[in-house]
Amino acid sequence: MPKATGFIAALVVLIGMSPLWADNLPGRITVTGEGRVSALPDMALVTMGATAEAETAKSAMDETSVVTNAILKRLADAGVAERDVQTSDLRLMPVWSNRTTSDTRPKIDGYQASNRVTVRVRDLTSLGSILDAVLMDGANQLGGLQFMVSDPEPLLNEARLQAVAAARARAELFAEAAGVTLGPLVSLSEAGGQMPRPEMLGLARASDAGMPIAQGEAELSANVTLVYQIGAE
């Protein structure tokens, strides 16, 4: 029992001292700021591929390889660099029959093979013609088309400058409204830059012939948090 009393007494002393500690801590203002920069995309990332079914695994793979090679040749003829082309996700799977035999086990009717090609197109004026051509060559899969900025760092830096300026202006506004002075900057942190997918604004042809593609703007953003000390009176 005496031990418990001593603990309660010590707790009361600590609680009584806590306002004194708070008075010694300098006041702070924490603000956030956001910057946004829009830019025209200068590169497209396209995923395409070929899928084929045949009675034998070799026939399915051979048919897929023929189409894949035709796609690669078409991209090379269009001036796409080798470093901007990558094949991946090569698959071979059995095609099972829905019919069952006396032993109730399904049978393999054939095989399905597929291959995927991911390409970066840096000349957007040729994009529509390239897509049109690879489809004529036998590509029967189009996994996605994404527009992007090839060098986003300078644009992100511009967005960061805007974000810091916006946060600083907000801190000055809060300080003036509260009737205090804004002291030195204590800390600055970034939540991370973002480059969302571009907003589609309209349709235009990439050349005088070819598949229509959407042109739009890519918006890059930056978010920061600033902590200022409240200045002495």
Protein backbone atom coordinates (compact mmCIF):
# COMPACT_ATOMS: atom_id res chain seq x y z
CA MET A 1 0.00 0.00 0.00
CA PRO A 2 2.75 2.56 0.75
CA LYS A 3 4.30 1.85 -2.65
CA ALA A 4 1.06 2.64 -4.42
CA THR A 5 0.73 5.93 -2.53
CA GLY A 6 4.24 6.94 -3.51
CA PHE A 7 3.49 6.25 -7.19
CA ILE A 8 0.33 8.38 -7.11
CA ALA A 9 2.21 11.21 -5.45
CA ALA A 10 4.92 11.09 -8.09
CA LEU A 11 2.27 11.11 -10.84
CA VAL A 12 0.63 14.20 -9.36
CA VAL A 13 3.98 15.98 -9.34
CA LEU A 14 4.63 15.09 -12.98
CA ILE A 15 1.17 16.26 -14.04
CA GLY A 16 1.68 19.48 -12.18
CA MET A 17 5.01 20.06 -13.93
CA SER A 18 3.77 19.35 -17.48
CA PRO A 19 2.41 22.90 -18.14
CA LEU A 20 5.86 24.27 -17.28
CA TRP A 21 7.42 22.03 -19.89
CA ALA A 22 4.86 23.13 -22.47
CA ASP A 23 5.64 26.80 -21.77
CA ASN A 24 9.30 26.17 -22.58
CA LEU A 25 8.54 24.68 -26.00
CA PRO A 26 8.56 27.20 -28.90
CA GLY A 27 5.34 27.47 -30.87
CA ARG A 28 5.30 26.11 -34.39
CA ILE A 29 3.28 26.47 -37.57
CA THR A 30 2.94 23.44 -39.85
CA VAL A 31 1.72 23.95 -43.39
CA THR A 32 1.48 21.93 -46.62
CA GLY A 33 1.82 23.07 -50.20
CA GLU A 34 1.19 21.59 -53.61
CA GLY A 35 2.63 22.41 -57.03
CA ARG A 36 1.34 21.22 -60.40
CA VAL A 37 2.92 21.41 -63.84
CA SER A 38 1.36 20.28 -67.12
CA ALA A 39 3.35 19.08 -70.10
CA LEU A 40 2.73 17.49 -73.47
CA PRO A 41 3.76 13.81 -73.52
CA ASP A 42 6.71 13.01 -75.77
CA MET A 43 6.72 9.21 -75.47
CA ALA A 44 4.23 6.35 -75.47
CA LEU A 45 4.48 2.95 -73.80
CA VAL A 46 2.59 0.26 -75.73
CA THR A 47 2.02 -3.38 -74.81
CA MET A 48 1.03 -5.70 -77.65
CA GLY A 49 1.32 -9.38 -78.43
CA ALA A 50 0.13 -12.49 -80.19
CA THR A 51 -1.86 -15.53 -79.10
CA ALA A 52 -2.37 -18.68 -81.14
CA GLU A 53 -4.09 -22.05 -80.65
CA ALA A 54 -3.15 -25.28 -82.40
CA GLU A 55 -3.45 -29.02 -82.00
CA THR A 56 0.19 -29.40 -80.97
CA ALA A 57 2.36 -27.34 -78.70
CA LYS A 58 4.98 -26.82 -81.42
CA SER A 59 2.43 -25.54 -83.92
CA ALA A 60 1.05 -23.06 -81.39
CA MET A 61 4.54 -21.82 -80.54
CA ASP A 62 5.55 -21.60 -84.19
CA GLU A 63 2.50 -19.54 -85.11
CA THR A 64 3.08 -17.18 -82.19
CA SER A 65 6.76 -16.84 -83.09
CA VAL A 66 5.91 -15.91 -86.68
CA VAL A 67 3.66 -13.07 -85.54
CA THR A 68 6.13 -11.91 -82.87
CA ASN A 69 8.98 -11.79 -85.38
CA ALA A 70 6.78 -9.81 -87.77
CA ILE A 71 6.03 -7.29 -84.99
CA LEU A 72 9.72 -6.93 -84.14
CA LYS A 73 10.65 -6.42 -87.78
CA ARG A 74 7.91 -3.83 -88.20
CA LEU A 75 9.15 -1.90 -85.17
CA ALA A 76 12.73 -2.00 -86.45
CA ASP A 77 11.63 -0.77 -89.88
CA ALA A 78 9.78 2.09 -88.18
CA GLY A 79 13.03 3.21 -86.56
CA VAL A 80 12.32 2.02 -83.02
CA ALA A 81 15.62 1.32 -81.24
CA GLU A 82 16.34 -2.16 -79.89
CA ARG A 83 16.68 -0.78 -76.36
CA ASP A 84 13.05 0.37 -76.54
CA VAL A 85 11.65 -3.09 -77.36
CA GLN A 86 11.30 -5.98 -74.94
CA THR A 87 9.59 -9.36 -75.25
CA SER A 88 8.20 -11.02 -72.14
CA ASP A 89 5.54 -13.30 -70.72
CA LEU A 90 6.06 -16.18 -73.16
CA ARG A 91 3.46 -18.81 -72.28
CA LEU A 92 2.30 -22.23 -73.42
CA MET A 93 -0.81 -23.75 -71.89
CA PRO A 94 -2.99 -26.76 -72.70
CA VAL A 95 -6.54 -26.21 -73.90
CA TRP A 96 -8.77 -28.61 -72.01
CA SER A 97 -11.85 -30.21 -73.49
CA ASN A 98 -15.20 -29.82 -71.77
CA ARG A 99 -16.03 -33.38 -72.74
CA THR A 100 -15.23 -36.14 -70.28
CA THR A 101 -14.44 -39.79 -70.86
CA SER A 102 -15.51 -42.79 -68.87
CA ASP A 103 -12.82 -42.09 -66.29
CA THR A 104 -14.27 -38.51 -65.86
CA ARG A 105 -10.93 -36.89 -66.62
CA PRO A 106 -10.81 -33.97 -69.12
CA LYS A 107 -8.76 -34.32 -72.27
CA ILE A 108 -6.35 -31.89 -73.93
CA ASP A 109 -7.83 -30.57 -77.16
CA GLY A 110 -4.83 -28.46 -78.11
CA TYR A 111 -2.40 -25.82 -76.92
CA GLN A 112 -2.39 -22.05 -76.61
CA ALA A 113 0.81 -20.04 -76.91
CA SER A 114 1.27 -16.32 -76.33
CA ASN A 115 4.03 -13.75 -76.31
CA ARG A 116 4.05 -10.09 -75.31
CA VAL A 117 6.01 -7.17 -76.71
CA THR A 118 6.44 -3.90 -74.80
CA VAL A 119 7.70 -0.95 -76.81
CA ARG A 120 8.56 2.67 -76.08
CA VAL A 121 7.65 4.88 -79.03
CA ARG A 122 9.59 8.14 -78.86
CA ASP A 123 8.29 9.53 -82.15
CA LEU A 124 4.60 10.06 -81.45
CA THR A 125 3.93 11.08 -85.05
CA SER A 126 4.53 7.45 -86.06
CA LEU A 127 2.50 5.84 -83.29
CA GLY A 128 -0.77 5.50 -85.19
CA SER A 129 0.91 3.95 -88.23
CA ILE A 130 2.90 1.52 -86.05
CA LEU A 131 -0.21 0.29 -84.25
CA ASP A 132 -2.06 -0.10 -87.52
CA ALA A 133 0.84 -2.03 -89.08
CA VAL A 134 1.41 -4.50 -86.23
CA LEU A 135 -2.28 -5.36 -86.19
CA MET A 136 -2.06 -6.12 -89.90
CA ASP A 137 0.99 -8.28 -89.16
CA GLY A 138 -1.12 -10.48 -86.89
CA ALA A 139 -0.91 -8.95 -83.44
CA ASN A 140 -4.14 -9.84 -81.66
CA GLN A 141 -3.43 -8.48 -78.19
CA LEU A 142 -3.19 -4.84 -77.16
CA GLY A 143 -2.54 -4.66 -73.44
CA GLY A 144 -2.39 -0.91 -73.02
CA LEU A 145 -1.30 2.46 -74.34
CA GLN A 146 0.15 5.01 -71.92
CA PHE A 147 1.51 8.45 -72.73
CA MET A 148 4.33 9.84 -70.61
CA VAL A 149 7.13 12.38 -70.36
CA SER A 150 10.54 10.85 -71.06
CA ASP A 151 12.42 13.22 -68.69
CA PRO A 152 10.05 14.24 -65.87
CA GLU A 153 12.67 15.45 -63.37
CA PRO A 154 12.93 19.11 -64.58
CA LEU A 155 9.14 19.36 -64.54
CA LEU A 156 8.95 17.79 -61.08
CA ASN A 157 11.54 20.32 -59.85
CA GLU A 158 9.35 23.14 -61.13
CA ALA A 159 6.37 21.63 -59.31
CA ARG A 160 8.48 21.37 -56.13
CA LEU A 161 9.38 25.07 -56.31
CA GLN A 162 5.71 25.92 -56.65
CA ALA A 163 4.82 23.66 -53.72
CA VAL A 164 7.39 25.29 -51.40
CA ALA A 165 6.28 28.78 -52.43
CA ALA A 166 2.63 27.88 -51.81
CA ALA A 167 3.43 26.45 -48.36
CA ARG A 168 5.51 29.51 -47.44
CA ALA A 169 2.68 31.86 -48.47
CA ARG A 170 0.21 29.85 -46.39
CA ALA A 171 2.50 30.00 -43.34
CA GLU A 172 2.83 33.78 -43.68
CA LEU A 173 -0.95 34.09 -43.94
CA PHE A 174 -1.50 32.01 -40.81
CA ALA A 175 1.11 33.96 -38.87
CA GLU A 176 -0.47 37.29 -39.83
CA ALA A 177 -3.95 36.04 -38.95
CA ALA A 178 -2.73 34.80 -35.57
CA GLY A 179 -0.88 38.03 -34.81
CA VAL A 180 2.55 36.40 -34.56
CA THR A 181 5.76 36.60 -36.52
CA LEU A 182 7.06 33.77 -38.66
CA GLY A 183 10.33 32.39 -37.38
CA PRO A 184 12.96 30.20 -39.03
CA LEU A 185 12.17 27.06 -40.98
CA VAL A 186 12.49 23.99 -38.76
CA SER A 187 11.91 21.19 -41.26
CA LEU A 188 10.90 20.50 -44.85
CA SER A 189 9.66 17.15 -46.15
CA GLU A 190 8.28 15.96 -49.46
CA ALA A 191 5.41 13.53 -49.79
CA GLY A 192 6.63 12.47 -53.23
CA GLY A 193 6.13 13.59 -56.80
CA GLN A 194 3.33 12.16 -58.89
CA MET A 195 2.87 11.79 -62.61
CA PRO A 196 -0.67 10.56 -63.26
CA ARG A 197 -1.83 9.24 -66.57
CA PRO A 198 -2.63 12.05 -69.00
CA GLU A 199 -6.12 13.36 -69.43
CA MET A 200 -7.42 12.67 -72.91
CA LEU A 201 -8.47 15.91 -74.60
CA GLY A 202 -9.34 14.84 -78.11
CA LEU A 203 -8.62 12.59 -81.08
CA ALA A 204 -6.05 13.26 -83.75
CA ARG A 205 -4.37 11.12 -86.36
CA ALA A 206 -0.69 10.47 -85.81
CA SER A 207 -0.09 10.86 -89.53
CA ASP A 208 -2.06 10.98 -92.73
CA ALA A 209 -2.89 7.30 -92.19
CA GLY A 210 -3.12 4.96 -89.24
CA MET A 211 -5.05 4.31 -86.07
CA PRO A 212 -6.47 7.40 -84.32
CA ILE A 213 -4.74 8.11 -81.02
CA ALA A 214 -5.64 10.46 -78.19
CA GLN A 215 -3.55 13.52 -77.48
CA GLY A 216 -3.53 15.04 -74.02
CA GLU A 217 -1.49 16.57 -71.26
CA ALA A 218 0.39 14.86 -68.47
CA GLU A 219 0.15 16.59 -65.10
CA LEU A 220 3.04 16.28 -62.65
CA SER A 221 2.58 17.25 -59.01
CA ALA A 222 4.68 17.67 -55.87
CA ASN A 223 3.61 17.96 -52.23
CA VAL A 224 5.68 19.34 -49.36
CA THR A 225 5.26 19.97 -45.63
CA LEU A 226 7.01 22.91 -43.94
CA VAL A 227 7.34 23.46 -40.21
CA TYR A 228 8.16 27.01 -39.02
CA GLN A 229 8.98 28.22 -35.56
CA ILE A 230 6.91 31.10 -34.28
CA GLY A 231 9.18 34.11 -33.89
CA ALA A 232 9.87 35.80 -30.58
CA GLU A 233 7.79 38.87 -29.78
